[in-house]
C-alpha atoms as a PDB file:
ATOM      1  CA  MET A   1      99.188 110.756 117.408  1.00  0.00           C
ATOM      2  CA  GLU A   2      97.591 108.753 120.147  1.00  0.00           C
ATOM      3  CA  ALA A   3      97.454 104.978 119.972  1.00  0.00           C
ATOM      4  CA  GLU A   4      93.655 105.100 119.752  1.00  0.00           C
ATOM      5  CA  LYS A   5      93.793 107.398 116.718  1.00  0.00           C
ATOM      6  CA  VAL A   6      96.361 105.132 115.064  1.00  0.00           C
ATOM      7  CA  ASP A   7      94.079 102.146 115.619  1.00  0.00           C
ATOM      8  CA  LYS A   8      91.145 104.004 114.042  1.00  0.00           C
ATOM      9  CA  PHE A   9      93.279 105.048 111.074  1.00  0.00           C
ATOM     10  CA  LEU A  10      94.481 101.487 110.551  1.00  0.00           C
ATOM     11  CA  LEU A  11      90.976 100.036 110.780  1.00  0.00           C
ATOM     12  CA  ALA A  12      89.651 102.526 108.255  1.00  0.00           C
ATOM     13  CA  ASN A  13      92.575 102.297 105.817  1.00  0.00           C
ATOM     14  CA  GLU A  14      94.440  99.017 106.227  1.00  0.00           C
ATOM     15  CA  SER A  15      93.167  97.602 102.926  1.00  0.00           C
ATOM     16  CA  LYS A  16      94.595 100.601 101.065  1.00  0.00           C
ATOM     17  CA  PHE A  17      98.234  99.856 101.941  1.00  0.00           C
ATOM     18  CA  PRO A  18     100.605  96.915 101.562  1.00  0.00           C
ATOM     19  CA  ASP A  19     100.105  94.694 104.612  1.00  0.00           C
ATOM     20  CA  TYR A  20     103.679  94.621 105.786  1.00  0.00           C
ATOM     21  CA  GLU A  21     104.746  98.251 105.384  1.00  0.00           C
ATOM     22  CA  ILE A  22     102.544 100.552 107.474  1.00  0.00           C
ATOM     23  CA  PRO A  23     104.915 102.585 109.695  1.00  0.00           C
ATOM     24  CA  ILE A  24     102.937 102.289 112.932  1.00  0.00           C
ATOM     25  CA  HIS A  25     105.798 103.511 115.119  1.00  0.00           C
ATOM     26  CA  ARG A  26     106.101 106.694 113.035  1.00  0.00           C
ATOM     27  CA  LEU A  27     102.339 107.285 113.167  1.00  0.00           C
ATOM     28  CA  LEU A  28     102.524 107.403 116.950  1.00  0.00           C
ATOM     29  CA  ASP A  29     105.033 110.281 116.825  1.00  0.00           C
ATOM     30  CA  LEU A  30     103.147 112.626 114.481  1.00  0.00           C
ATOM     31  CA  SER A  31     102.855 116.308 115.287  1.00  0.00           C
ATOM     32  CA  PRO A  32      99.350 117.849 115.435  1.00  0.00           C
ATOM     33  CA  GLU A  33      99.893 119.517 112.048  1.00  0.00           C
ATOM     34  CA  LYS A  34     100.762 116.192 110.441  1.00  0.00           C
ATOM     35  CA  GLU A  35      97.760 114.544 112.084  1.00  0.00           C
ATOM     36  CA  ILE A  36      95.484 117.098 110.453  1.00  0.00           C
ATOM     37  CA  LEU A  37      97.220 116.606 107.098  1.00  0.00           C
ATOM     38  CA  LEU A  38      96.859 112.829 107.431  1.00  0.00           C
ATOM     39  CA  GLU A  39      93.153 113.133 108.220  1.00  0.00           C
ATOM     40  CA  GLN A  40      92.615 115.331 105.148  1.00  0.00           C
ATOM     41  CA  THR A  41      94.562 113.113 102.743  1.00  0.00           C
ATOM     42  CA  HIS A  42      92.535 110.904 100.414  1.00  0.00           C
ATOM     43  CA  PHE A  43      93.858 107.396  99.879  1.00  0.00           C
ATOM     44  CA  ASN A  44      92.519 105.514  96.856  1.00  0.00           C
ATOM     45  CA  SER A  45      90.605 102.304  97.332  1.00  0.00           C
ATOM     46  CA  PRO A  46      92.361  99.513  95.391  1.00  0.00           C
ATOM     47  CA  VAL A  47      89.010  97.851  94.660  1.00  0.00           C
ATOM     48  CA  LYS A  48      87.550 101.029  93.154  1.00  0.00           C
ATOM     49  CA  ILE A  49      90.660 101.519  91.043  1.00  0.00           C
ATOM     50  CA  LEU A  50      90.389  97.883  89.884  1.00  0.00           C
ATOM     51  CA  LEU A  51      86.801  98.504  88.796  1.00  0.00           C
ATOM     52  CA  ALA A  52      87.922 101.637  86.950  1.00  0.00           C
ATOM     53  CA  SER A  53      90.629  99.536  85.317  1.00  0.00           C
ATOM     54  CA  ILE A  54      88.176  96.880  84.189  1.00  0.00           C
ATOM     55  CA  PHE A  55      85.616  99.283  82.764  1.00  0.00           C
ATOM     56  CA  LEU A  56      87.688 102.327  81.741  1.00  0.00           C
ATOM     57  CA  GLY A  57      91.273 101.074  81.716  1.00  0.00           C
ATOM     58  CA  MET A  58      91.392 101.079  77.931  1.00  0.00           C
ATOM     59  CA  PHE A  59      91.403 104.888  78.184  1.00  0.00           C
ATOM     60  CA  GLY A  60      93.942 105.059  81.031  1.00  0.00           C
ATOM     61  CA  VAL A  61      91.432 106.280  83.609  1.00  0.00           C
ATOM     62  CA  ASP A  62      92.783 103.871  86.224  1.00  0.00           C
ATOM     63  CA  ARG A  63      96.290 105.308  85.887  1.00  0.00           C
ATOM     64  CA  PHE A  64      95.019 108.886  85.947  1.00  0.00           C
ATOM     65  CA  LEU A  65      93.117 108.192  89.179  1.00  0.00           C
ATOM     66  CA  ILE A  66      96.238 107.022  91.001  1.00  0.00           C
ATOM     67  CA  GLY A  67      98.294 109.926  89.687  1.00  0.00           C
ATOM     68  CA  ASP A  68     100.316 107.990  87.143  1.00  0.00           C
ATOM     69  CA  TRP A  69      99.830 110.525  84.338  1.00  0.00           C
ATOM     70  CA  GLY A  70     102.547 109.256  82.016  1.00  0.00           C
ATOM     71  CA  LYS A  71     101.205 105.704  81.846  1.00  0.00           C
ATOM     72  CA  GLY A  72      97.653 107.034  81.694  1.00  0.00           C
ATOM     73  CA  LEU A  73      98.485 109.087  78.624  1.00  0.00           C
ATOM     74  CA  CYS A  74     100.263 106.121  77.038  1.00  0.00           C
ATOM     75  CA  LYS A  75      97.203 103.932  77.565  1.00  0.00           C
ATOM     76  CA  LEU A  76      94.914 106.666  76.292  1.00  0.00           C
ATOM     77  CA  PHE A  77      96.833 107.278  73.066  1.00  0.00           C
ATOM     78  CA  THR A  78      97.569 103.604  72.336  1.00  0.00           C
ATOM     79  CA  GLY A  79      94.137 102.189  73.140  1.00  0.00           C
ATOM     80  CA  GLY A  80      95.211 100.453  76.331  1.00  0.00           C
ATOM     81  CA  GLY A  81      98.622  99.498  74.997  1.00  0.00           C
ATOM     82  CA  PHE A  82      97.156  98.141  71.754  1.00  0.00           C
ATOM     83  CA  GLY A  83      94.863  95.930  73.800  1.00  0.00           C
ATOM     84  CA  PHE A  84      97.677  94.071  75.586  1.00  0.00           C
ATOM     85  CA  TRP A  85      98.473  96.352  78.507  1.00  0.00           C
ATOM     86  CA  TYR A  86      94.820  96.922  79.381  1.00  0.00           C
ATOM     87  CA  PRO A  87      94.053  93.387  80.703  1.00  0.00           C
ATOM     88  CA  ILE A  88      97.517  93.020  82.277  1.00  0.00           C
ATOM     89  CA  ASP A  89      96.759  96.050  84.443  1.00  0.00           C
ATOM     90  CA  TRP A  90      93.830  94.182  85.973  1.00  0.00           C
ATOM     91  CA  PHE A  91      96.390  92.087  87.830  1.00  0.00           C
ATOM     92  CA  LEU A  92      98.823  94.901  88.621  1.00  0.00           C
ATOM     93  CA  ILE A  93      96.673  97.915  89.453  1.00  0.00           C
ATOM     94  CA  MET A  94      95.690  96.976  93.025  1.00  0.00           C
ATOM     95  CA  LYS A  95      99.312  96.532  94.091  1.00  0.00           C
ATOM     96  CA  THR A  96     100.277  99.737  92.297  1.00  0.00           C
ATOM     97  CA  THR A  97      97.474 101.627  94.038  1.00  0.00           C
ATOM     98  CA  LYS A  98      98.630 100.381  97.437  1.00  0.00           C
ATOM     99  CA  ARG A  99     102.219 101.426  96.646  1.00  0.00           C
ATOM    100  CA  LYS A 100     101.049 104.910  95.595  1.00  0.00           C
ATOM    101  CA  ASN A 101      99.015 105.218  98.799  1.00  0.00           C
ATOM    102  CA  MET A 102     102.074 104.138 100.778  1.00  0.00           C
ATOM    103  CA  GLY A 103     104.120 106.828  99.047  1.00  0.00           C
ATOM    104  CA  ARG A 104     101.564 109.455 100.091  1.00  0.00           C
ATOM    105  CA  LEU A 105     101.616 108.205 103.678  1.00  0.00           C
ATOM    106  CA  GLU A 106     105.415 108.188 103.796  1.00  0.00           C
ATOM    107  CA  GLY A 107     105.457 111.720 102.397  1.00  0.00           C
ATOM    108  CA  ILE A 108     103.263 112.895 105.256  1.00  0.00           C
ATOM    109  CA  VAL A 109     105.160 110.991 107.937  1.00  0.00           C
ATOM    110  CA  LYS A 110     108.621 112.099 106.751  1.00  0.00           C
ATOM    111  CA  LYS A 111     107.860 115.815 106.233  1.00  0.00           C
END
């Protein structure tokens, strides 16, 4: 991947990843196939997931959106963790979303 493409990717997606962990040096060495895969991969916006958590987190929608099916089902069947887990997720979900996005990026880079 060319440096210019890496810069564009970072400008478009930097808020979706933890600040200190983006593997810039590995992005520069991507094969053309991985570049295409990276361009086609959807990374969740932490702000949108936070809004889903605030308005629909009682039903686990926030966890389903980031691919955390087990916790989503737990929240769904327990009414947001009996009302306790639901507001706690408001403070945790953005960091969790960034970590999940980072996992997707690392999966593409390491393949």
